[in-house]
Amino acid sequence: MSTRPGEAVTVSAAGSTDTDGTVAAYFFDFGDGTNSDWVTTSSVAHTYAAAGTFTVKVRVRDNNGAESQNVTSTVTVAAPAAKPSGFLGGFEGGLALSAVAAAAIGAAAWRGRKR
């Protein structure tokens, strides 16, 4: 599984079963120092703040109070994409470039008109 910093990723333990009862709660350790605490839903969303590779651990508790061993998976959080550099980089540059292009096109159309 992969994501980028600031983007939510869904971690799921759906399909977990218990041979002598029912799964009553799930505990997700996201590997970045945070966890879900015990929750009753089999899927949770988590947002990683920094790039890196994290080992997610999930364990379940049944209706009799017994807990499973951890099951692990790896999440790779890629570094954010580099912002474009240059004079007109970013969204504002795109707007400025569009305004300049529209003015140039308008001037060319005006010069091409028959009088």
PDB file of N, CA and C in Angstrom:
ATOM      1  N   MET A   1       0.854  -1.159   0.000  1.00  0.00           N
ATOM      2  CA  MET A   1       0.000   0.000   0.000  1.00  0.00           C
ATOM      3  C   MET A   1       0.903   1.225   0.000  1.00  0.00           C
ATOM      4  N   SER A   2       0.502   2.268  -0.736  1.00  0.00           N
ATOM      5  CA  SER A   2       1.309   3.481  -0.749  1.00  0.00           C
ATOM      6  C   SER A   2       0.406   4.712  -0.737  1.00  0.00           C
ATOM      7  N   THR A   3       0.980   5.812  -0.277  1.00  0.00           N
ATOM      8  CA  THR A   3       0.265   7.079  -0.157  1.00  0.00           C
ATOM      9  C   THR A   3       1.291   8.198  -0.121  1.00  0.00           C
ATOM     10  N   ARG A   4       0.856   9.403   0.092  1.00  0.00           N
ATOM     11  CA  ARG A   4       1.726  10.578   0.248  1.00  0.00           C
ATOM     12  C   ARG A   4       1.394  11.249   1.581  1.00  0.00           C
ATOM     13  N   PRO A   5       2.313  12.009   2.145  1.00  0.00           N
ATOM     14  CA  PRO A   5       2.014  12.710   3.393  1.00  0.00           C
ATOM     15  C   PRO A   5       0.765  13.580   3.246  1.00  0.00           C
ATOM     16  N   GLY A   6      -0.094  13.538   4.238  1.00  0.00           N
ATOM     17  CA  GLY A   6      -1.304  14.346   4.232  1.00  0.00           C
ATOM     18  C   GLY A   6      -2.482  13.710   3.523  1.00  0.00           C
ATOM     19  N   GLU A   7      -2.281  12.579   2.845  1.00  0.00           N
ATOM     20  CA  GLU A   7      -3.375  11.890   2.169  1.00  0.00           C
ATOM     21  C   GLU A   7      -3.828  10.718   3.034  1.00  0.00           C
ATOM     22  N   ALA A   8      -5.121  10.571   3.199  1.00  0.00           N
ATOM     23  CA  ALA A   8      -5.659   9.484   4.017  1.00  0.00           C
ATOM     24  C   ALA A   8      -5.510   8.151   3.295  1.00  0.00           C
ATOM     25  N   VAL A   9      -5.170   7.126   4.058  1.00  0.00           N
ATOM     26  CA  VAL A   9      -5.105   5.763   3.551  1.00  0.00           C
ATOM     27  C   VAL A   9      -6.036   4.931   4.439  1.00  0.00           C
ATOM     28  N   THR A  10      -6.754   3.988   3.850  1.00  0.00           N
ATOM     29  CA  THR A  10      -7.653   3.140   4.626  1.00  0.00           C
ATOM     30  C   THR A  10      -6.963   1.821   4.930  1.00  0.00           C
ATOM     31  N   VAL A  11      -6.928   1.484   6.203  1.00  0.00           N
ATOM     32  CA  VAL A  11      -6.363   0.218   6.662  1.00  0.00           C
ATOM     33  C   VAL A  11      -7.535  -0.659   7.063  1.00  0.00           C
ATOM     34  N   SER A  12      -7.540  -1.895   6.564  1.00  0.00           N
ATOM     35  CA  SER A  12      -8.705  -2.749   6.783  1.00  0.00           C
ATOM     36  C   SER A  12      -8.310  -4.118   7.322  1.00  0.00           C
ATOM     37  N   ALA A  13      -9.121  -4.604   8.231  1.00  0.00           N
ATOM     38  CA  ALA A  13      -9.000  -5.971   8.739  1.00  0.00           C
ATOM     39  C   ALA A  13     -10.295  -6.719   8.429  1.00  0.00           C
ATOM     40  N   ALA A  14     -11.006  -6.259   7.404  1.00  0.00           N
ATOM     41  CA  ALA A  14     -12.258  -6.895   7.006  1.00  0.00           C
ATOM     42  C   ALA A  14     -11.993  -8.350   6.668  1.00  0.00           C
ATOM     43  N   GLY A  15     -12.892  -9.192   7.033  1.00  0.00           N
ATOM     44  CA  GLY A  15     -12.731 -10.614   6.777  1.00  0.00           C
ATOM     45  C   GLY A  15     -12.103 -11.366   7.938  1.00  0.00           C
ATOM     46  N   SER A  16     -11.734 -10.652   8.994  1.00  0.00           N
ATOM     47  CA  SER A  16     -11.194 -11.323  10.178  1.00  0.00           C
ATOM     48  C   SER A  16     -12.282 -12.200  10.786  1.00  0.00           C
ATOM     49  N   THR A  17     -11.905 -13.395  11.204  1.00  0.00           N
ATOM     50  CA  THR A  17     -12.877 -14.314  11.798  1.00  0.00           C
ATOM     51  C   THR A  17     -12.362 -14.838  13.126  1.00  0.00           C
ATOM     52  N   ASP A  18     -13.255 -15.392  13.895  1.00  0.00           N
ATOM     53  CA  ASP A  18     -12.922 -15.987  15.187  1.00  0.00           C
ATOM     54  C   ASP A  18     -13.564 -17.373  15.234  1.00  0.00           C
ATOM     55  N   THR A  19     -12.778 -18.394  15.558  1.00  0.00           N
ATOM     56  CA  THR A  19     -13.293 -19.771  15.521  1.00  0.00           C
ATOM     57  C   THR A  19     -14.243 -20.099  16.662  1.00  0.00           C
ATOM     58  N   ASP A  20     -14.152 -19.363  17.778  1.00  0.00           N
ATOM     59  CA  ASP A  20     -15.027 -19.702  18.908  1.00  0.00           C
ATOM     60  C   ASP A  20     -15.932 -18.552  19.338  1.00  0.00           C
ATOM     61  N   GLY A  21     -16.195 -17.640  18.440  1.00  0.00           N
ATOM     62  CA  GLY A  21     -17.056 -16.500  18.773  1.00  0.00           C
ATOM     63  C   GLY A  21     -17.102 -15.529  17.607  1.00  0.00           C
ATOM     64  N   THR A  22     -17.211 -14.262  17.936  1.00  0.00           N
ATOM     65  CA  THR A  22     -17.235 -13.228  16.915  1.00  0.00           C
ATOM     66  C   THR A  22     -16.184 -12.171  17.227  1.00  0.00           C
ATOM     67  N   VAL A  23     -15.685 -11.534  16.190  1.00  0.00           N
ATOM     68  CA  VAL A  23     -14.737 -10.437  16.383  1.00  0.00           C
ATOM     69  C   VAL A  23     -15.522  -9.245  16.910  1.00  0.00           C
ATOM     70  N   ALA A  24     -15.072  -8.712  18.042  1.00  0.00           N
ATOM     71  CA  ALA A  24     -15.790  -7.619  18.689  1.00  0.00           C
ATOM     72  C   ALA A  24     -15.077  -6.278  18.549  1.00  0.00           C
ATOM     73  N   ALA A  25     -13.727  -6.290  18.396  1.00  0.00           N
ATOM     74  CA  ALA A  25     -12.988  -5.028  18.337  1.00  0.00           C
ATOM     75  C   ALA A  25     -11.683  -5.214  17.580  1.00  0.00           C
ATOM     76  N   TYR A  26     -11.172  -4.089  17.068  1.00  0.00           N
ATOM     77  CA  TYR A  26      -9.945  -4.067  16.274  1.00  0.00           C
ATOM     78  C   TYR A  26      -9.008  -3.013  16.844  1.00  0.00           C
ATOM     79  N   PHE A  27      -7.705  -3.301  16.807  1.00  0.00           N
ATOM     80  CA  PHE A  27      -6.696  -2.342  17.267  1.00  0.00           C
ATOM     81  C   PHE A  27      -5.685  -2.165  16.144  1.00  0.00           C
ATOM     82  N   PHE A  28      -5.592  -0.940  15.622  1.00  0.00           N
ATOM     83  CA  PHE A  28      -4.679  -0.625  14.533  1.00  0.00           C
ATOM     84  C   PHE A  28      -3.525   0.211  15.073  1.00  0.00           C
ATOM     85  N   ASP A  29      -2.297  -0.281  14.909  1.00  0.00           N
ATOM     86  CA  ASP A  29      -1.086   0.473  15.230  1.00  0.00           C
ATOM     87  C   ASP A  29      -0.499   0.888  13.888  1.00  0.00           C
ATOM     88  N   PHE A  30      -0.433   2.179  13.624  1.00  0.00           N
ATOM     89  CA  PHE A  30      -0.061   2.672  12.304  1.00  0.00           C
ATOM     90  C   PHE A  30       1.443   2.718  12.056  1.00  0.00           C
ATOM     91  N   GLY A  31       2.245   2.434  13.063  1.00  0.00           N
ATOM     92  CA  GLY A  31       3.688   2.376  12.886  1.00  0.00           C
ATOM     93  C   GLY A  31       4.380   3.726  12.920  1.00  0.00           C
ATOM     94  N   ASP A  32       3.629   4.786  13.134  1.00  0.00           N
ATOM     95  CA  ASP A  32       4.213   6.130  13.203  1.00  0.00           C
ATOM     96  C   ASP A  32       4.065   6.733  14.601  1.00  0.00           C
ATOM     97  N   GLY A  33       3.823   5.864  15.576  1.00  0.00           N
ATOM     98  CA  GLY A  33       3.652   6.335  16.950  1.00  0.00           C
ATOM     99  C   GLY A  33       2.203   6.599  17.324  1.00  0.00           C
ATOM    100  N   THR A  34       1.287   6.336  16.402  1.00  0.00           N
ATOM    101  CA  THR A  34      -0.133   6.535  16.692  1.00  0.00           C
ATOM    102  C   THR A  34      -0.888   5.233  16.491  1.00  0.00           C
ATOM    103  N   ASN A  35      -2.081   5.159  17.099  1.00  0.00           N
ATOM    104  CA  ASN A  35      -2.929   3.976  16.929  1.00  0.00           C
ATOM    105  C   ASN A  35      -4.388   4.392  17.004  1.00  0.00           C
ATOM    106  N   SER A  36      -5.249   3.449  16.680  1.00  0.00           N
ATOM    107  CA  SER A  36      -6.691   3.718  16.664  1.00  0.00           C
ATOM    108  C   SER A  36      -7.347   3.515  18.019  1.00  0.00           C
ATOM    109  N   ASP A  37      -6.617   2.891  18.974  1.00  0.00           N
ATOM    110  CA  ASP A  37      -7.218   2.377  20.193  1.00  0.00           C
ATOM    111  C   ASP A  37      -8.196   1.284  19.741  1.00  0.00           C
ATOM    112  N   TRP A  38      -8.924   0.675  20.633  1.00  0.00           N
ATOM    113  CA  TRP A  38      -9.863  -0.391  20.260  1.00  0.00           C
ATOM    114  C   TRP A  38     -11.089   0.240  19.623  1.00  0.00           C
ATOM    115  N   VAL A  39     -11.414  -0.215  18.403  1.00  0.00           N
ATOM    116  CA  VAL A  39     -12.581   0.290  17.673  1.00  0.00           C
ATOM    117  C   VAL A  39     -13.423  -0.898  17.222  1.00  0.00           C
ATOM    118  N   THR A  40     -14.690  -0.651  16.934  1.00  0.00           N
ATOM    119  CA  THR A  40     -15.576  -1.743  16.513  1.00  0.00           C
ATOM    120  C   THR A  40     -15.686  -1.864  14.994  1.00  0.00           C
ATOM    121  N   THR A  41     -15.069  -0.955  14.267  1.00  0.00           N
ATOM    122  CA  THR A  41     -15.097  -1.018  12.803  1.00  0.00           C
ATOM    123  C   THR A  41     -13.846  -1.725  12.288  1.00  0.00           C
ATOM    124  N   SER A  42     -14.008  -2.500  11.216  1.00  0.00           N
ATOM    125  CA  SER A  42     -12.877  -3.282  10.694  1.00  0.00           C
ATOM    126  C   SER A  42     -11.969  -2.484   9.765  1.00  0.00           C
ATOM    127  N   SER A  43     -12.343  -1.261   9.442  1.00  0.00           N
ATOM    128  CA  SER A  43     -11.515  -0.398   8.594  1.00  0.00           C
ATOM    129  C   SER A  43     -11.427   0.983   9.221  1.00  0.00           C
ATOM    130  N   VAL A  44     -10.245   1.573   9.136  1.00  0.00           N
ATOM    131  CA  VAL A  44     -10.054   2.938   9.627  1.00  0.00           C
ATOM    132  C   VAL A  44      -9.199   3.709   8.624  1.00  0.00           C
ATOM    133  N   ALA A  45      -9.394   5.012   8.588  1.00  0.00           N
ATOM    134  CA  ALA A  45      -8.571   5.878   7.743  1.00  0.00           C
ATOM    135  C   ALA A  45      -7.489   6.507   8.617  1.00  0.00           C
ATOM    136  N   HIS A  46      -6.304   6.654   8.035  1.00  0.00           N
ATOM    137  CA  HIS A  46      -5.193   7.277   8.752  1.00  0.00           C
ATOM    138  C   HIS A  46      -4.409   8.147   7.790  1.00  0.00           C
ATOM    139  N   THR A  47      -3.898   9.261   8.297  1.00  0.00           N
ATOM    140  CA  THR A  47      -3.085  10.170   7.500  1.00  0.00           C
ATOM    141  C   THR A  47      -1.690  10.229   8.098  1.00  0.00           C
ATOM    142  N   TYR A  48      -0.693   9.941   7.281  1.00  0.00           N
ATOM    143  CA  TYR A  48       0.704  10.019   7.711  1.00  0.00           C
ATOM    144  C   TYR A  48       1.221  11.426   7.461  1.00  0.00           C
ATOM    145  N   ALA A  49       1.969  11.955   8.422  1.00  0.00           N
ATOM    146  CA  ALA A  49       2.474  13.323   8.312  1.00  0.00           C
ATOM    147  C   ALA A  49       3.783  13.406   7.543  1.00  0.00           C
ATOM    148  N   ALA A  50       4.543  12.326   7.504  1.00  0.00           N
ATOM    149  CA  ALA A  50       5.868  12.373   6.886  1.00  0.00           C
ATOM    150  C   ALA A  50       6.088  11.167   5.984  1.00  0.00           C
ATOM    151  N   ALA A  51       7.043  11.305   5.079  1.00  0.00           N
ATOM    152  CA  ALA A  51       7.411  10.206   4.185  1.00  0.00           C
ATOM    153  C   ALA A  51       8.153   9.128   4.972  1.00  0.00           C
ATOM    154  N   GLY A  52       8.078   7.903   4.485  1.00  0.00           N
ATOM    155  CA  GLY A  52       8.787   6.791   5.121  1.00  0.00           C
ATOM    156  C   GLY A  52       8.071   5.479   4.849  1.00  0.00           C
ATOM    157  N   THR A  53       8.620   4.422   5.410  1.00  0.00           N
ATOM    158  CA  THR A  53       8.000   3.108   5.320  1.00  0.00           C
ATOM    159  C   THR A  53       7.561   2.719   6.729  1.00  0.00           C
ATOM    160  N   PHE A  54       6.302   2.379   6.873  1.00  0.00           N
ATOM    161  CA  PHE A  54       5.721   2.114   8.180  1.00  0.00           C
ATOM    162  C   PHE A  54       5.128   0.709   8.224  1.00  0.00           C
ATOM    163  N   THR A  55       5.310   0.037   9.343  1.00  0.00           N
ATOM    164  CA  THR A  55       4.725  -1.280   9.550  1.00  0.00           C
ATOM    165  C   THR A  55       3.439  -1.113  10.345  1.00  0.00           C
ATOM    166  N   VAL A  56       2.329  -1.434   9.712  1.00  0.00           N
ATOM    167  CA  VAL A  56       1.022  -1.362  10.361  1.00  0.00           C
ATOM    168  C   VAL A  56       0.757  -2.709  11.020  1.00  0.00           C
ATOM    169  N   LYS A  57       0.317  -2.677  12.267  1.00  0.00           N
ATOM    170  CA  LYS A  57      -0.028  -3.899  12.999  1.00  0.00           C
ATOM    171  C   LYS A  57      -1.507  -3.849  13.353  1.00  0.00           C
ATOM    172  N   VAL A  58      -2.170  -4.971  13.163  1.00  0.00           N
ATOM    173  CA  VAL A  58      -3.595  -5.076  13.502  1.00  0.00           C
ATOM    174  C   VAL A  58      -3.788  -6.311  14.359  1.00  0.00           C
ATOM    175  N   ARG A  59      -4.559  -6.149  15.428  1.00  0.00           N
ATOM    176  CA  ARG A  59      -4.973  -7.329  16.203  1.00  0.00           C
ATOM    177  C   ARG A  59      -6.449  -7.179  16.507  1.00  0.00           C
ATOM    178  N   VAL A  60      -7.080  -8.311  16.759  1.00  0.00           N
ATOM    179  CA  VAL A  60      -8.521  -8.310  17.020  1.00  0.00           C
ATOM    180  C   VAL A  60      -8.806  -8.923  18.388  1.00  0.00           C
ATOM    181  N   ARG A  61      -9.946  -8.535  18.923  1.00  0.00           N
ATOM    182  CA  ARG A  61     -10.419  -9.082  20.198  1.00  0.00           C
ATOM    183  C   ARG A  61     -11.783  -9.688  19.946  1.00  0.00           C
ATOM    184  N   ASP A  62     -12.011 -10.880  20.494  1.00  0.00           N
ATOM    185  CA  ASP A  62     -13.324 -11.504  20.280  1.00  0.00           C
ATOM    186  C   ASP A  62     -14.281 -11.177  21.410  1.00  0.00           C
ATOM    187  N   ASN A  63     -15.500 -11.669  21.274  1.00  0.00           N
ATOM    188  CA  ASN A  63     -16.544 -11.385  22.261  1.00  0.00           C
ATOM    189  C   ASN A  63     -16.276 -12.041  23.614  1.00  0.00           C
ATOM    190  N   ASN A  64     -15.278 -12.944  23.694  1.00  0.00           N
ATOM    191  CA  ASN A  64     -14.897 -13.566  24.969  1.00  0.00           C
ATOM    192  C   ASN A  64     -13.699 -12.868  25.608  1.00  0.00           C
ATOM    193  N   GLY A  65     -13.172 -11.826  24.954  1.00  0.00           N
ATOM    194  CA  GLY A  65     -12.045 -11.071  25.492  1.00  0.00           C
ATOM    195  C   GLY A  65     -10.677 -11.569  25.035  1.00  0.00           C
ATOM    196  N   ALA A  66     -10.629 -12.644  24.257  1.00  0.00           N
ATOM    197  CA  ALA A  66      -9.345 -13.159  23.767  1.00  0.00           C
ATOM    198  C   ALA A  66      -8.835 -12.271  22.628  1.00  0.00           C
ATOM    199  N   GLU A  67      -7.504 -12.050  22.606  1.00  0.00           N
ATOM    200  CA  GLU A  67      -6.895 -11.225  21.567  1.00  0.00           C
ATOM    201  C   GLU A  67      -6.008 -12.062  20.660  1.00  0.00           C
ATOM    202  N   SER A  68      -5.976 -11.682  19.396  1.00  0.00           N
ATOM    203  CA  SER A  68      -5.132 -12.362  18.416  1.00  0.00           C
ATOM    204  C   SER A  68      -3.700 -11.830  18.498  1.00  0.00           C
ATOM    205  N   GLN A  69      -2.816 -12.478  17.790  1.00  0.00           N
ATOM    206  CA  GLN A  69      -1.471 -11.957  17.582  1.00  0.00           C
ATOM    207  C   GLN A  69      -1.578 -10.829  16.545  1.00  0.00           C
ATOM    208  N   ASN A  70      -0.529 -10.003  16.462  1.00  0.00           N
ATOM    209  CA  ASN A  70      -0.504  -8.947  15.447  1.00  0.00           C
ATOM    210  C   ASN A  70      -0.370  -9.533  14.053  1.00  0.00           C
ATOM    211  N   VAL A  71      -1.065  -8.950  13.126  1.00  0.00           N
ATOM    212  CA  VAL A  71      -0.880  -9.212  11.705  1.00  0.00           C
ATOM    213  C   VAL A  71      -0.313  -7.910  11.155  1.00  0.00           C
ATOM    214  N   THR A  72       0.729  -8.003  10.325  1.00  0.00           N
ATOM    215  CA  THR A  72       1.392  -6.787   9.867  1.00  0.00           C
ATOM    216  C   THR A  72       1.280  -6.584   8.362  1.00  0.00           C
ATOM    217  N   SER A  73       1.416  -5.342   7.973  1.00  0.00           N
ATOM    218  CA  SER A  73       1.457  -4.945   6.575  1.00  0.00           C
ATOM    219  C   SER A  73       2.330  -3.691   6.500  1.00  0.00           C
ATOM    220  N   THR A  74       2.832  -3.397   5.321  1.00  0.00           N
ATOM    221  CA  THR A  74       3.709  -2.240   5.148  1.00  0.00           C
ATOM    222  C   THR A  74       3.006  -1.157   4.348  1.00  0.00           C
ATOM    223  N   VAL A  75       3.169   0.079   4.804  1.00  0.00           N
ATOM    224  CA  VAL A  75       2.667   1.243   4.092  1.00  0.00           C
ATOM    225  C   VAL A  75       3.866   2.101   3.721  1.00  0.00           C
ATOM    226  N   THR A  76       3.957   2.444   2.448  1.00  0.00           N
ATOM    227  CA  THR A  76       5.023   3.333   1.985  1.00  0.00           C
ATOM    228  C   THR A  76       4.428   4.705   1.740  1.00  0.00           C
ATOM    229  N   VAL A  77       4.994   5.695   2.403  1.00  0.00           N
ATOM    230  CA  VAL A  77       4.552   7.070   2.234  1.00  0.00           C
ATOM    231  C   VAL A  77       5.639   7.779   1.440  1.00  0.00           C
ATOM    232  N   ALA A  78       5.327   8.098   0.187  1.00  0.00           N
ATOM    233  CA  ALA A  78       6.295   8.718  -0.711  1.00  0.00           C
ATOM    234  C   ALA A  78       6.468  10.195  -0.372  1.00  0.00           C
ATOM    235  N   ALA A  79       7.655  10.702  -0.666  1.00  0.00           N
ATOM    236  CA  ALA A  79       7.920  12.124  -0.450  1.00  0.00           C
ATOM    237  C   ALA A  79       6.977  12.938  -1.325  1.00  0.00           C
ATOM    238  N   PRO A  80       6.579  14.123  -0.870  1.00  0.00           N
ATOM    239  CA  PRO A  80       5.695  14.947  -1.687  1.00  0.00           C
ATOM    240  C   PRO A  80       6.361  15.286  -3.022  1.00  0.00           C
ATOM    241  N   ALA A  81       5.556  15.441  -4.037  1.00  0.00           N
ATOM    242  CA  ALA A  81       6.086  15.805  -5.352  1.00  0.00           C
ATOM    243  C   ALA A  81       6.733  17.185  -5.271  1.00  0.00           C
ATOM    244  N   ALA A  82       7.843  17.349  -5.988  1.00  0.00           N
ATOM    245  CA  ALA A  82       8.548  18.628  -5.996  1.00  0.00           C
ATOM    246  C   ALA A  82       7.694  19.679  -6.681  1.00  0.00           C
ATOM    247  N   LYS A  83       7.706  20.880  -6.132  1.00  0.00           N
ATOM    248  CA  LYS A  83       6.974  21.975  -6.753  1.00  0.00           C
ATOM    249  C   LYS A  83       7.786  22.489  -7.936  1.00  0.00           C
ATOM    250  N   PRO A  84       7.120  22.884  -9.010  1.00  0.00           N
ATOM    251  CA  PRO A  84       7.865  23.396 -10.159  1.00  0.00           C
ATOM    252  C   PRO A  84       8.597  24.674  -9.787  1.00  0.00           C
ATOM    253  N   SER A  85       9.781  24.833 -10.351  1.00  0.00           N
ATOM    254  CA  SER A  85      10.547  26.047 -10.069  1.00  0.00           C
ATOM    255  C   SER A  85      10.541  26.927 -11.307  1.00  0.00           C
ATOM    256  N   GLY A  86      10.938  28.141 -11.134  1.00  0.00           N
ATOM    257  CA  GLY A  86      10.981  29.054 -12.261  1.00  0.00           C
ATOM    258  C   GLY A  86      10.184  30.305 -11.959  1.00  0.00           C
ATOM    259  N   PHE A  87      10.167  31.200 -12.912  1.00  0.00           N
ATOM    260  CA  PHE A  87       9.552  32.498 -12.732  1.00  0.00           C
ATOM    261  C   PHE A  87       8.061  32.409 -12.474  1.00  0.00           C
ATOM    262  N   LEU A  88       7.361  31.570 -13.216  1.00  0.00           N
ATOM    263  CA  LEU A  88       5.904  31.490 -13.080  1.00  0.00           C
ATOM    264  C   LEU A  88       5.459  30.143 -12.535  1.00  0.00           C
ATOM    265  N   GLY A  89       6.182  29.570 -11.568  1.00  0.00           N
ATOM    266  CA  GLY A  89       5.826  28.264 -11.032  1.00  0.00           C
ATOM    267  C   GLY A  89       4.552  28.302 -10.222  1.00  0.00           C
ATOM    268  N   GLY A  90       3.870  27.186 -10.174  1.00  0.00           N
ATOM    269  CA  GLY A  90       2.702  27.053  -9.315  1.00  0.00           C
ATOM    270  C   GLY A  90       1.422  27.556  -9.949  1.00  0.00           C
ATOM    271  N   PHE A  91       0.363  27.525  -9.170  1.00  0.00           N
ATOM    272  CA  PHE A  91      -0.977  27.871  -9.636  1.00  0.00           C
ATOM    273  C   PHE A  91      -1.070  29.329 -10.085  1.00  0.00           C
ATOM    274  N   GLU A  92      -0.481  30.258  -9.307  1.00  0.00           N
ATOM    275  CA  GLU A  92      -0.558  31.667  -9.652  1.00  0.00           C
ATOM    276  C   GLU A  92       0.106  31.920 -10.996  1.00  0.00           C
ATOM    277  N   GLY A  93       1.234  31.231 -11.242  1.00  0.00           N
ATOM    278  CA  GLY A  93       1.938  31.382 -12.510  1.00  0.00           C
ATOM    279  C   GLY A  93       1.070  30.920 -13.662  1.00  0.00           C
ATOM    280  N   GLY A  94       0.325  29.834 -13.440  1.00  0.00           N
ATOM    281  CA  GLY A  94      -0.563  29.338 -14.481  1.00  0.00           C
ATOM    282  C   GLY A  94      -1.635  30.364 -14.829  1.00  0.00           C
ATOM    283  N   LEU A  95      -2.155  31.056 -13.822  1.00  0.00           N
ATOM    284  CA  LEU A  95      -3.152  32.091 -14.079  1.00  0.00           C
ATOM    285  C   LEU A  95      -2.532  33.253 -14.831  1.00  0.00           C
ATOM    286  N   ALA A  96      -1.344  33.669 -14.415  1.00  0.00           N
ATOM    287  CA  ALA A  96      -0.676  34.786 -15.089  1.00  0.00           C
ATOM    288  C   ALA A  96      -0.359  34.412 -16.527  1.00  0.00           C
ATOM    289  N   LEU A  97       0.117  33.206 -16.749  1.00  0.00           N
ATOM    290  CA  LEU A  97       0.451  32.754 -18.095  1.00  0.00           C
ATOM    291  C   LEU A  97      -0.803  32.712 -18.960  1.00  0.00           C
ATOM    292  N   SER A  98      -1.921  32.276 -18.407  1.00  0.00           N
ATOM    293  CA  SER A  98      -3.168  32.229 -19.164  1.00  0.00           C
ATOM    294  C   SER A  98      -3.610  33.625 -19.568  1.00  0.00           C
ATOM    295  N   ALA A  99      -3.479  34.600 -18.687  1.00  0.00           N
ATOM    296  CA  ALA A  99      -3.875  35.974 -18.999  1.00  0.00           C
ATOM    297  C   ALA A  99      -2.992  36.544 -20.097  1.00  0.00           C
ATOM    298  N   VAL A 100      -1.688  36.283 -20.053  1.00  0.00           N
ATOM    299  CA  VAL A 100      -0.764  36.759 -21.081  1.00  0.00           C
ATOM    300  C   VAL A 100      -1.093  36.109 -22.407  1.00  0.00           C
ATOM    301  N   ALA A 101      -1.349  34.797 -22.410  1.00  0.00           N
ATOM    302  CA  ALA A 101      -1.669  34.085 -23.642  1.00  0.00           C
ATOM    303  C   ALA A 101      -2.970  34.624 -24.235  1.00  0.00           C
ATOM    304  N   ALA A 102      -3.977  34.887 -23.417  1.00  0.00           N
ATOM    305  CA  ALA A 102      -5.247  35.407 -23.916  1.00  0.00           C
ATOM    306  C   ALA A 102      -5.055  36.781 -24.527  1.00  0.00           C
ATOM    307  N   ALA A 103      -4.236  37.619 -23.913  1.00  0.00           N
ATOM    308  CA  ALA A 103      -3.970  38.961 -24.454  1.00  0.00           C
ATOM    309  C   ALA A 103      -3.252  38.859 -25.788  1.00  0.00           C
ATOM    310  N   ALA A 104      -2.280  37.958 -25.906  1.00  0.00           N
ATOM    311  CA  ALA A 104      -1.541  37.791 -27.154  1.00  0.00           C
ATOM    312  C   ALA A 104      -2.457  37.266 -28.260  1.00  0.00           C
ATOM    313  N   ILE A 105      -3.314  36.334 -27.943  1.00  0.00           N
ATOM    314  CA  ILE A 105      -4.241  35.779 -28.931  1.00  0.00           C
ATOM    315  C   ILE A 105      -5.219  36.855 -29.379  1.00  0.00           C
ATOM    316  N   GLY A 106      -5.723  37.648 -28.424  1.00  0.00           N
ATOM    317  CA  GLY A 106      -6.660  38.725 -28.751  1.00  0.00           C
ATOM    318  C   GLY A 106      -6.011  39.765 -29.660  1.00  0.00           C
ATOM    319  N   ALA A 107      -4.758  40.125 -29.396  1.00  0.00           N
ATOM    320  CA  ALA A 107      -4.046  41.105 -30.217  1.00  0.00           C
ATOM    321  C   ALA A 107      -3.832  40.564 -31.608  1.00  0.00           C
ATOM    322  N   ALA A 108      -3.470  39.286 -31.742  1.00  0.00           N
ATOM    323  CA  ALA A 108      -3.254  38.689 -33.056  1.00  0.00           C
ATOM    324  C   ALA A 108      -4.554  38.647 -33.840  1.00  0.00           C
ATOM    325  N   ALA A 109      -5.651  38.360 -33.193  1.00  0.00           N
ATOM    326  CA  ALA A 109      -6.946  38.309 -33.871  1.00  0.00           C
ATOM    327  C   ALA A 109      -7.343  39.709 -34.338  1.00  0.00           C
ATOM    328  N   TRP A 110      -7.047  40.720 -33.544  1.00  0.00           N
ATOM    329  CA  TRP A 110      -7.375  42.092 -33.905  1.00  0.00           C
ATOM    330  C   TRP A 110      -6.586  42.528 -35.145  1.00  0.00           C
ATOM    331  N   ARG A 111      -5.292  42.171 -35.187  1.00  0.00           N
ATOM    332  CA  ARG A 111      -4.454  42.538 -36.316  1.00  0.00           C
ATOM    333  C   ARG A 111      -4.907  41.822 -37.590  1.00  0.00           C
ATOM    334  N   GLY A 112      -5.504  40.638 -37.449  1.00  0.00           N
ATOM    335  CA  GLY A 112      -5.894  39.878 -38.619  1.00  0.00           C
ATOM    336  C   GLY A 112      -7.255  40.247 -39.182  1.00  0.00           C
ATOM    337  N   ARG A 113      -7.961  41.149 -38.541  1.00  0.00           N
ATOM    338  CA  ARG A 113      -9.307  41.519 -38.998  1.00  0.00           C
ATOM    339  C   ARG A 113      -9.223  42.385 -40.244  1.00  0.00           C
ATOM    340  N   LYS A 114     -10.154  42.198 -41.120  1.00  0.00           N
ATOM    341  CA  LYS A 114     -10.239  43.049 -42.318  1.00  0.00           C
ATOM    342  C   LYS A 114     -10.922  44.348 -41.951  1.00  0.00           C
ATOM    343  N   ARG A 115     -10.450  45.406 -42.571  1.00  0.00           N
ATOM    344  CA  ARG A 115     -11.057  46.699 -42.262  1.00  0.00           C
ATOM    345  C   ARG A 115     -11.955  47.135 -43.364  1.00  0.00           C
TER     346      ARG A 115
END
